[in-house]
């Protein structure tokens, strides 16, 4: 376990920290999945952008986390990869 993991494990006991951490983790998990799908398909950001009708700059901002993924954007990305988008409340 590295220092970051120890810090998170200790800090997660605080309910406010846990709330923020969980909300950010979901965002970055989605970004990571999007990047993985793109890399599995061996396509560039530009090629993905063309598939979903946007620009490479938008894909870049999505992947670096500076722009939030919307549900409609996630649906377009899923369709571009011929995947289903599943959303659930647990």
N, C-alpha and C. Protein backbone atom coordinates (compact mmCIF):
# COMPACT_ATOMS: atom_id res chain seq x y z
N UNK A 1 0.85 -1.18 0.00
CA UNK A 1 0.00 0.00 0.00
C UNK A 1 0.90 1.24 0.00
N UNK A 2 0.63 2.17 -0.92
CA UNK A 2 1.45 3.37 -0.99
C UNK A 2 0.86 4.47 -0.11
N UNK A 3 1.56 5.60 -0.05
CA UNK A 3 1.13 6.71 0.82
C UNK A 3 -0.25 7.23 0.44
N UNK A 4 -0.54 7.32 -0.85
CA UNK A 4 -1.84 7.81 -1.29
C UNK A 4 -2.95 6.89 -0.81
N UNK A 5 -2.76 5.58 -0.97
CA UNK A 5 -3.78 4.63 -0.53
C UNK A 5 -3.99 4.72 0.98
N UNK A 6 -2.91 4.88 1.74
CA UNK A 6 -3.03 5.02 3.20
C UNK A 6 -3.80 6.29 3.54
N UNK A 7 -3.50 7.37 2.84
CA UNK A 7 -4.19 8.63 3.08
C UNK A 7 -5.68 8.49 2.79
N UNK A 8 -6.01 7.89 1.66
CA UNK A 8 -7.42 7.72 1.29
C UNK A 8 -8.12 6.83 2.31
N UNK A 9 -7.51 5.72 2.68
CA UNK A 9 -8.13 4.81 3.65
C UNK A 9 -8.39 5.50 4.98
N UNK A 10 -7.48 6.36 5.40
CA UNK A 10 -7.67 7.09 6.65
C UNK A 10 -8.73 8.18 6.49
N UNK A 11 -8.65 8.93 5.41
CA UNK A 11 -9.54 10.07 5.20
C UNK A 11 -10.98 9.67 4.87
N UNK A 12 -11.15 8.47 4.32
CA UNK A 12 -12.48 8.03 3.90
C UNK A 12 -13.42 7.88 5.10
N UNK A 13 -12.87 7.87 6.29
CA UNK A 13 -13.68 7.80 7.51
C UNK A 13 -14.51 9.07 7.69
N UNK A 14 -14.01 10.18 7.13
CA UNK A 14 -14.74 11.46 7.20
C UNK A 14 -15.83 11.45 6.14
N UNK A 15 -17.07 11.67 6.56
CA UNK A 15 -18.19 11.54 5.62
C UNK A 15 -18.13 12.56 4.49
N UNK A 16 -17.66 13.78 4.75
CA UNK A 16 -17.57 14.79 3.69
C UNK A 16 -16.49 14.40 2.67
N UNK A 17 -15.35 13.93 3.15
CA UNK A 17 -14.29 13.47 2.26
C UNK A 17 -14.80 12.31 1.42
N UNK A 18 -15.49 11.37 2.05
CA UNK A 18 -16.00 10.20 1.34
C UNK A 18 -16.97 10.61 0.24
N UNK A 19 -17.84 11.56 0.52
CA UNK A 19 -18.81 12.03 -0.47
C UNK A 19 -18.10 12.63 -1.69
N UNK A 20 -17.13 13.49 -1.47
CA UNK A 20 -16.39 14.12 -2.57
C UNK A 20 -15.57 13.07 -3.31
N UNK A 21 -14.90 12.20 -2.58
CA UNK A 21 -14.07 11.16 -3.19
C UNK A 21 -14.92 10.26 -4.10
N UNK A 22 -16.06 9.83 -3.60
CA UNK A 22 -16.92 8.94 -4.38
C UNK A 22 -17.45 9.64 -5.64
N UNK A 23 -17.80 10.91 -5.53
CA UNK A 23 -18.31 11.62 -6.71
C UNK A 23 -17.22 11.79 -7.76
N UNK A 24 -16.01 12.03 -7.34
CA UNK A 24 -14.90 12.18 -8.30
C UNK A 24 -14.47 10.83 -8.87
N UNK A 25 -14.51 9.81 -8.05
CA UNK A 25 -14.10 8.48 -8.51
C UNK A 25 -14.97 8.00 -9.66
N UNK A 26 -16.26 8.24 -9.57
CA UNK A 26 -17.17 7.85 -10.64
C UNK A 26 -16.78 8.54 -11.95
N UNK A 27 -16.53 9.83 -11.88
CA UNK A 27 -16.15 10.58 -13.08
C UNK A 27 -14.88 9.99 -13.70
N UNK A 28 -13.88 9.76 -12.88
CA UNK A 28 -12.63 9.26 -13.43
C UNK A 28 -12.71 7.80 -13.87
N UNK A 29 -13.57 7.02 -13.26
CA UNK A 29 -13.81 5.66 -13.74
C UNK A 29 -14.43 5.69 -15.14
N UNK A 30 -15.38 6.61 -15.35
CA UNK A 30 -16.01 6.75 -16.67
C UNK A 30 -14.98 7.19 -17.71
N UNK A 31 -14.16 8.16 -17.35
CA UNK A 31 -13.12 8.64 -18.26
C UNK A 31 -12.16 7.51 -18.61
N UNK A 32 -11.74 6.77 -17.60
CA UNK A 32 -10.82 5.66 -17.82
C UNK A 32 -11.41 4.63 -18.77
N UNK A 33 -12.70 4.32 -18.60
CA UNK A 33 -13.37 3.35 -19.47
C UNK A 33 -13.44 3.87 -20.91
N UNK A 34 -13.74 5.15 -21.06
CA UNK A 34 -13.80 5.73 -22.39
C UNK A 34 -12.44 5.64 -23.09
N UNK A 35 -11.39 5.97 -22.38
CA UNK A 35 -10.04 5.91 -22.96
C UNK A 35 -9.69 4.46 -23.30
N UNK A 36 -10.03 3.53 -22.41
CA UNK A 36 -9.74 2.11 -22.66
C UNK A 36 -10.45 1.61 -23.91
N UNK A 37 -11.71 1.97 -24.05
CA UNK A 37 -12.46 1.56 -25.25
C UNK A 37 -11.82 2.12 -26.51
N UNK A 38 -11.42 3.38 -26.45
CA UNK A 38 -10.80 4.00 -27.62
C UNK A 38 -9.49 3.31 -27.96
N UNK A 39 -8.71 3.00 -26.96
CA UNK A 39 -7.43 2.32 -27.20
C UNK A 39 -7.63 0.89 -27.69
N UNK A 40 -8.64 0.20 -27.16
CA UNK A 40 -8.94 -1.17 -27.62
C UNK A 40 -9.31 -1.17 -29.10
N UNK A 41 -10.01 -0.13 -29.53
CA UNK A 41 -10.42 -0.02 -30.94
C UNK A 41 -9.30 0.53 -31.82
N UNK A 42 -8.21 0.96 -31.20
CA UNK A 42 -7.07 1.55 -31.92
C UNK A 42 -7.50 2.76 -32.75
N UNK A 43 -8.29 3.63 -32.11
CA UNK A 43 -8.70 4.84 -32.81
C UNK A 43 -8.20 6.07 -32.06
N UNK A 44 -8.01 7.13 -32.78
CA UNK A 44 -7.54 8.38 -32.20
C UNK A 44 -8.71 9.17 -31.63
N UNK A 45 -8.37 10.21 -30.90
CA UNK A 45 -9.40 11.12 -30.42
C UNK A 45 -10.17 11.72 -31.59
N UNK A 46 -9.46 12.05 -32.64
CA UNK A 46 -10.11 12.64 -33.82
C UNK A 46 -11.10 11.66 -34.44
N UNK A 47 -10.72 10.39 -34.55
CA UNK A 47 -11.61 9.39 -35.13
C UNK A 47 -12.86 9.20 -34.26
N UNK A 48 -12.69 9.19 -32.94
CA UNK A 48 -13.85 9.09 -32.05
C UNK A 48 -14.74 10.31 -32.22
N UNK A 49 -14.12 11.48 -32.27
CA UNK A 49 -14.88 12.72 -32.46
C UNK A 49 -15.72 12.67 -33.73
N UNK A 50 -15.13 12.18 -34.79
CA UNK A 50 -15.87 12.08 -36.05
C UNK A 50 -17.03 11.10 -35.95
N UNK A 51 -16.83 10.01 -35.21
CA UNK A 51 -17.90 9.02 -35.04
C UNK A 51 -19.10 9.60 -34.30
N UNK A 52 -18.85 10.52 -33.37
CA UNK A 52 -19.96 11.03 -32.56
C UNK A 52 -20.36 12.46 -32.91
N UNK A 53 -19.74 13.00 -33.93
CA UNK A 53 -20.15 14.32 -34.40
C UNK A 53 -19.70 15.47 -33.55
N UNK A 54 -18.47 15.41 -33.08
CA UNK A 54 -17.91 16.51 -32.30
C UNK A 54 -16.48 16.76 -32.75
N UNK A 55 -15.72 17.50 -31.98
CA UNK A 55 -14.34 17.81 -32.35
C UNK A 55 -13.36 17.03 -31.48
N UNK A 56 -12.15 16.93 -31.96
CA UNK A 56 -11.09 16.28 -31.19
C UNK A 56 -10.85 17.02 -29.89
N UNK A 57 -10.98 18.35 -29.92
CA UNK A 57 -10.77 19.14 -28.71
C UNK A 57 -11.76 18.76 -27.61
N UNK A 58 -13.00 18.49 -27.99
CA UNK A 58 -14.00 18.07 -27.01
C UNK A 58 -13.62 16.73 -26.40
N UNK A 59 -13.19 15.80 -27.23
CA UNK A 59 -12.76 14.48 -26.72
C UNK A 59 -11.58 14.64 -25.78
N UNK A 60 -10.64 15.49 -26.13
CA UNK A 60 -9.49 15.74 -25.27
C UNK A 60 -9.92 16.29 -23.92
N UNK A 61 -10.83 17.25 -23.93
CA UNK A 61 -11.31 17.83 -22.67
C UNK A 61 -12.08 16.80 -21.84
N UNK A 62 -12.83 15.94 -22.50
CA UNK A 62 -13.53 14.87 -21.78
C UNK A 62 -12.53 13.93 -21.12
N UNK A 63 -11.51 13.55 -21.89
CA UNK A 63 -10.54 12.59 -21.38
C UNK A 63 -9.64 13.17 -20.30
N UNK A 64 -9.39 14.47 -20.31
CA UNK A 64 -8.54 15.02 -19.25
C UNK A 64 -9.35 15.54 -18.06
N UNK A 65 -10.67 15.38 -18.13
CA UNK A 65 -11.52 15.70 -17.00
C UNK A 65 -11.90 17.17 -16.86
N UNK A 66 -11.52 17.99 -17.84
CA UNK A 66 -11.85 19.41 -17.71
C UNK A 66 -13.26 19.73 -18.18
N UNK A 67 -13.93 18.77 -18.81
CA UNK A 67 -15.33 18.90 -19.21
C UNK A 67 -16.09 17.70 -18.67
N UNK A 68 -17.26 17.94 -18.13
CA UNK A 68 -18.06 16.84 -17.59
C UNK A 68 -18.74 16.06 -18.71
N UNK A 69 -18.78 14.76 -18.53
CA UNK A 69 -19.52 13.89 -19.44
C UNK A 69 -21.01 14.04 -19.16
N UNK A 70 -21.79 14.28 -20.18
CA UNK A 70 -23.24 14.30 -20.02
C UNK A 70 -23.78 12.93 -20.37
N UNK A 71 -24.99 12.68 -19.96
CA UNK A 71 -25.61 11.41 -20.28
C UNK A 71 -25.75 11.24 -21.79
N UNK A 72 -26.13 12.30 -22.50
CA UNK A 72 -26.26 12.20 -23.95
C UNK A 72 -24.92 11.95 -24.63
N UNK A 73 -23.86 12.56 -24.11
CA UNK A 73 -22.52 12.33 -24.67
C UNK A 73 -22.09 10.89 -24.41
N UNK A 74 -22.36 10.38 -23.21
CA UNK A 74 -22.01 8.99 -22.91
C UNK A 74 -22.77 8.04 -23.82
N UNK A 75 -24.02 8.34 -24.11
CA UNK A 75 -24.81 7.50 -25.01
C UNK A 75 -24.21 7.51 -26.42
N UNK A 76 -23.79 8.67 -26.89
CA UNK A 76 -23.17 8.76 -28.22
C UNK A 76 -21.85 7.99 -28.27
N UNK A 77 -21.08 8.07 -27.19
CA UNK A 77 -19.82 7.34 -27.14
C UNK A 77 -20.08 5.84 -27.12
N UNK A 78 -21.04 5.40 -26.33
CA UNK A 78 -21.39 3.98 -26.29
C UNK A 78 -21.80 3.49 -27.67
N UNK A 79 -22.62 4.27 -28.35
CA UNK A 79 -23.06 3.90 -29.69
C UNK A 79 -21.87 3.83 -30.66
N UNK A 80 -20.94 4.76 -30.53
CA UNK A 80 -19.76 4.77 -31.41
C UNK A 80 -18.94 3.49 -31.25
N UNK A 81 -18.97 2.90 -30.07
CA UNK A 81 -18.24 1.66 -29.80
C UNK A 81 -19.13 0.44 -29.88
N UNK A 82 -20.36 0.63 -30.34
CA UNK A 82 -21.32 -0.46 -30.45
C UNK A 82 -21.51 -1.16 -29.10
N UNK A 83 -21.64 -0.35 -28.07
CA UNK A 83 -21.83 -0.84 -26.70
C UNK A 83 -23.13 -0.30 -26.14
N UNK A 84 -23.60 -0.92 -25.09
CA UNK A 84 -24.78 -0.43 -24.37
C UNK A 84 -24.31 0.48 -23.24
N UNK A 85 -25.05 1.51 -22.99
CA UNK A 85 -24.80 2.37 -21.84
C UNK A 85 -25.79 1.95 -20.75
N UNK A 86 -25.28 1.52 -19.64
CA UNK A 86 -26.11 1.09 -18.51
C UNK A 86 -25.96 2.10 -17.39
N UNK A 87 -27.08 2.61 -16.90
CA UNK A 87 -27.09 3.54 -15.78
C UNK A 87 -28.00 2.95 -14.73
N UNK A 88 -27.55 2.94 -13.50
CA UNK A 88 -28.40 2.39 -12.45
C UNK A 88 -28.20 3.15 -11.16
N UNK A 89 -29.20 3.08 -10.33
CA UNK A 89 -29.13 3.62 -8.99
C UNK A 89 -29.01 2.43 -8.04
N UNK A 90 -28.00 2.46 -7.21
CA UNK A 90 -27.80 1.33 -6.30
C UNK A 90 -28.00 1.75 -4.87
